[in-house]
């Protein structure tokens, strides 16, 4: 991961695309989710809630409009996206919130993580 970031922040990619360099300079690589949560707690002075995404529907999933309202509290949340086979079940079951899946017009609901992240971020933060 650090090799890719370095390419865009100090390597030839930084010269090629300065806007991408500025964005990627914000990245901090951590070894574990626990490290990320502690880092957020250190910055925000409150332990963040974890929010996970999944292509499967779970009982008690949180809808996007409902979660938009929760975000208005200003309290920190860590949004975690899974790739390939998704997040591990124990991690999902320990999350504070599970967002409802993105549903289309058919039963097929598996998207690339990039597409899912774009849709979810728009639903949560878009106008």
C-alpha atoms as a PDB file:
ATOM      1  CA  UNK A   1       0.000   0.000   0.000  1.00  0.00           C
ATOM      2  CA  UNK A   2       2.735   2.446   0.956  1.00  0.00           C
ATOM      3  CA  UNK A   3       4.482   1.835  -2.398  1.00  0.00           C
ATOM      4  CA  UNK A   4       1.353   2.917  -4.296  1.00  0.00           C
ATOM      5  CA  UNK A   5       0.863   5.981  -2.104  1.00  0.00           C
ATOM      6  CA  UNK A   6       4.524   6.969  -2.512  1.00  0.00           C
ATOM      7  CA  UNK A   7       4.231   6.769  -6.304  1.00  0.00           C
ATOM      8  CA  UNK A   8       1.468   9.382  -6.244  1.00  0.00           C
ATOM      9  CA  UNK A   9       2.879  11.572  -3.443  1.00  0.00           C
ATOM     10  CA  UNK A  10       6.623  11.677  -4.149  1.00  0.00           C
ATOM     11  CA  UNK A  11       7.230   9.620  -7.298  1.00  0.00           C
ATOM     12  CA  UNK A  12       6.547  10.353 -10.943  1.00  0.00           C
ATOM     13  CA  UNK A  13       2.799  10.216 -10.278  1.00  0.00           C
ATOM     14  CA  UNK A  14       3.086  13.329  -8.086  1.00  0.00           C
ATOM     15  CA  UNK A  15       4.347  15.336 -11.068  1.00  0.00           C
ATOM     16  CA  UNK A  16       1.883  13.729 -13.463  1.00  0.00           C
ATOM     17  CA  UNK A  17      -1.201  14.425 -11.324  1.00  0.00           C
ATOM     18  CA  UNK A  18      -0.710  17.026  -8.541  1.00  0.00           C
ATOM     19  CA  UNK A  19      -4.410  16.914  -7.554  1.00  0.00           C
ATOM     20  CA  UNK A  20      -4.155  13.194  -6.871  1.00  0.00           C
ATOM     21  CA  UNK A  21      -0.977  13.831  -4.867  1.00  0.00           C
ATOM     22  CA  UNK A  22      -2.842  16.271  -2.615  1.00  0.00           C
ATOM     23  CA  UNK A  23      -5.615  13.756  -2.007  1.00  0.00           C
ATOM     24  CA  UNK A  24      -3.306  10.814  -1.340  1.00  0.00           C
ATOM     25  CA  UNK A  25      -1.141  12.805   1.062  1.00  0.00           C
ATOM     26  CA  UNK A  26      -4.088  12.578   3.466  1.00  0.00           C
ATOM     27  CA  UNK A  27      -3.842   8.768   3.694  1.00  0.00           C
ATOM     28  CA  UNK A  28      -2.493   7.160   6.857  1.00  0.00           C
ATOM     29  CA  UNK A  29      -1.838   3.426   6.686  1.00  0.00           C
ATOM     30  CA  UNK A  30      -2.620   1.432   9.845  1.00  0.00           C
ATOM     31  CA  UNK A  31      -2.046  -2.244  10.602  1.00  0.00           C
ATOM     32  CA  UNK A  32      -5.476  -3.024  12.075  1.00  0.00           C
ATOM     33  CA  UNK A  33      -8.983  -1.661  12.358  1.00  0.00           C
ATOM     34  CA  UNK A  34      -8.354  -1.357  16.100  1.00  0.00           C
ATOM     35  CA  UNK A  35      -5.446   0.986  15.309  1.00  0.00           C
ATOM     36  CA  UNK A  36      -7.728   3.074  13.097  1.00  0.00           C
ATOM     37  CA  UNK A  37     -10.396   3.284  15.791  1.00  0.00           C
ATOM     38  CA  UNK A  38      -7.843   4.337  18.435  1.00  0.00           C
ATOM     39  CA  UNK A  39      -6.413   6.962  16.075  1.00  0.00           C
ATOM     40  CA  UNK A  40      -9.872   8.412  15.461  1.00  0.00           C
ATOM     41  CA  UNK A  41     -10.527   8.403  19.215  1.00  0.00           C
ATOM     42  CA  UNK A  42      -7.260  10.275  19.813  1.00  0.00           C
ATOM     43  CA  UNK A  43      -8.233  12.932  17.260  1.00  0.00           C
ATOM     44  CA  UNK A  44     -11.936  13.256  18.138  1.00  0.00           C
ATOM     45  CA  UNK A  45     -11.779  12.561  21.902  1.00  0.00           C
ATOM     46  CA  UNK A  46     -14.616  10.050  21.528  1.00  0.00           C
ATOM     47  CA  UNK A  47     -14.561   6.439  20.360  1.00  0.00           C
ATOM     48  CA  UNK A  48     -16.108   6.149  16.870  1.00  0.00           C
ATOM     49  CA  UNK A  49     -19.038   3.947  15.948  1.00  0.00           C
ATOM     50  CA  UNK A  50     -18.350   1.337  13.277  1.00  0.00           C
ATOM     51  CA  UNK A  51     -20.511   1.164  10.173  1.00  0.00           C
ATOM     52  CA  UNK A  52     -20.238  -1.718   7.723  1.00  0.00           C
ATOM     53  CA  UNK A  53     -21.566  -2.388   4.268  1.00  0.00           C
ATOM     54  CA  UNK A  54     -22.685  -5.705   2.834  1.00  0.00           C
ATOM     55  CA  UNK A  55     -24.414  -6.944  -0.315  1.00  0.00           C
ATOM     56  CA  UNK A  56     -26.589  -9.195   1.881  1.00  0.00           C
ATOM     57  CA  UNK A  57     -29.577  -7.904   3.798  1.00  0.00           C
ATOM     58  CA  UNK A  58     -29.338  -8.196   7.571  1.00  0.00           C
ATOM     59  CA  UNK A  59     -32.186  -7.867  10.070  1.00  0.00           C
ATOM     60  CA  UNK A  60     -32.037  -4.431  11.633  1.00  0.00           C
ATOM     61  CA  UNK A  61     -29.997  -2.897   8.810  1.00  0.00           C
ATOM     62  CA  UNK A  62     -29.901   0.869   8.848  1.00  0.00           C
ATOM     63  CA  UNK A  63     -31.341   2.778   5.902  1.00  0.00           C
ATOM     64  CA  UNK A  64     -29.451   5.590   4.218  1.00  0.00           C
ATOM     65  CA  UNK A  65     -31.868   8.350   5.184  1.00  0.00           C
ATOM     66  CA  UNK A  66     -31.844   7.167   8.796  1.00  0.00           C
ATOM     67  CA  UNK A  67     -28.056   7.100   8.832  1.00  0.00           C
ATOM     68  CA  UNK A  68     -27.848  10.581   7.260  1.00  0.00           C
ATOM     69  CA  UNK A  69     -29.741  11.799  10.341  1.00  0.00           C
ATOM     70  CA  UNK A  70     -27.356   9.935  12.666  1.00  0.00           C
ATOM     71  CA  UNK A  71     -24.377  11.597  10.974  1.00  0.00           C
ATOM     72  CA  UNK A  72     -25.833  15.025  11.780  1.00  0.00           C
ATOM     73  CA  UNK A  73     -24.820  14.411  15.408  1.00  0.00           C
ATOM     74  CA  UNK A  74     -21.237  15.183  14.371  1.00  0.00           C
ATOM     75  CA  UNK A  75     -19.955  12.167  16.286  1.00  0.00           C
ATOM     76  CA  UNK A  76     -17.231  10.136  14.533  1.00  0.00           C
ATOM     77  CA  UNK A  77     -18.066   7.019  12.553  1.00  0.00           C
ATOM     78  CA  UNK A  78     -15.785   4.625  10.697  1.00  0.00           C
ATOM     79  CA  UNK A  79     -17.358   3.397   7.462  1.00  0.00           C
ATOM     80  CA  UNK A  80     -15.888   0.045   6.355  1.00  0.00           C
ATOM     81  CA  UNK A  81     -16.345  -1.428   2.886  1.00  0.00           C
ATOM     82  CA  UNK A  82     -15.670  -5.060   2.062  1.00  0.00           C
ATOM     83  CA  UNK A  83     -14.223  -6.381  -1.166  1.00  0.00           C
ATOM     84  CA  UNK A  84     -14.466  -9.703  -3.005  1.00  0.00           C
ATOM     85  CA  UNK A  85     -16.283 -12.012  -0.541  1.00  0.00           C
ATOM     86  CA  UNK A  86     -17.088  -9.138   1.800  1.00  0.00           C
ATOM     87  CA  UNK A  87     -16.306  -8.527   5.425  1.00  0.00           C
ATOM     88  CA  UNK A  88     -15.998 -11.380   7.918  1.00  0.00           C
ATOM     89  CA  UNK A  89     -19.224 -12.274   9.693  1.00  0.00           C
ATOM     90  CA  UNK A  90     -17.780 -11.687  13.194  1.00  0.00           C
ATOM     91  CA  UNK A  91     -16.717  -8.185  12.171  1.00  0.00           C
ATOM     92  CA  UNK A  92     -20.163  -7.454  10.710  1.00  0.00           C
ATOM     93  CA  UNK A  93     -21.944  -8.747  13.815  1.00  0.00           C
ATOM     94  CA  UNK A  94     -19.811  -6.532  16.086  1.00  0.00           C
ATOM     95  CA  UNK A  95     -20.452  -3.351  14.060  1.00  0.00           C
ATOM     96  CA  UNK A  96     -22.620  -0.612  15.522  1.00  0.00           C
ATOM     97  CA  UNK A  97     -24.494  -0.224  12.227  1.00  0.00           C
ATOM     98  CA  UNK A  98     -24.964  -2.322   9.105  1.00  0.00           C
ATOM     99  CA  UNK A  99     -26.079  -0.264   6.132  1.00  0.00           C
ATOM    100  CA  UNK A 100     -28.763  -1.762   3.954  1.00  0.00           C
ATOM    101  CA  UNK A 101     -27.515  -3.233   0.673  1.00  0.00           C
ATOM    102  CA  UNK A 102     -27.663  -1.321  -2.598  1.00  0.00           C
ATOM    103  CA  UNK A 103     -30.562  -2.839  -4.496  1.00  0.00           C
ATOM    104  CA  UNK A 104     -31.128  -2.680  -8.223  1.00  0.00           C
ATOM    105  CA  UNK A 105     -33.984  -3.859 -10.442  1.00  0.00           C
ATOM    106  CA  UNK A 106     -32.861  -7.527 -10.273  1.00  0.00           C
ATOM    107  CA  UNK A 107     -31.705  -9.922  -7.548  1.00  0.00           C
ATOM    108  CA  UNK A 108     -28.077  -9.392  -8.587  1.00  0.00           C
ATOM    109  CA  UNK A 109     -26.640  -6.902  -6.087  1.00  0.00           C
ATOM    110  CA  UNK A 110     -22.866  -7.329  -6.210  1.00  0.00           C
ATOM    111  CA  UNK A 111     -20.935  -4.232  -7.248  1.00  0.00           C
ATOM    112  CA  UNK A 112     -17.266  -3.372  -7.326  1.00  0.00           C
ATOM    113  CA  UNK A 113     -16.243  -1.727  -4.057  1.00  0.00           C
ATOM    114  CA  UNK A 114     -15.449   1.466  -6.016  1.00  0.00           C
ATOM    115  CA  UNK A 115     -18.982   1.647  -7.419  1.00  0.00           C
ATOM    116  CA  UNK A 116     -20.591   0.759  -4.092  1.00  0.00           C
ATOM    117  CA  UNK A 117     -18.476   3.344  -2.237  1.00  0.00           C
ATOM    118  CA  UNK A 118     -19.480   6.049  -4.703  1.00  0.00           C
ATOM    119  CA  UNK A 119     -23.185   5.238  -4.422  1.00  0.00           C
ATOM    120  CA  UNK A 120     -23.113   4.974  -0.612  1.00  0.00           C
ATOM    121  CA  UNK A 121     -21.132   8.176  -0.118  1.00  0.00           C
ATOM    122  CA  UNK A 122     -23.533  10.005  -2.402  1.00  0.00           C
ATOM    123  CA  UNK A 123     -26.539   8.651  -0.479  1.00  0.00           C
ATOM    124  CA  UNK A 124     -25.006   9.652   2.848  1.00  0.00           C
ATOM    125  CA  UNK A 125     -23.302  12.949   2.007  1.00  0.00           C
ATOM    126  CA  UNK A 126     -24.775  14.119  -1.304  1.00  0.00           C
ATOM    127  CA  UNK A 127     -27.252  16.933  -1.682  1.00  0.00           C
END
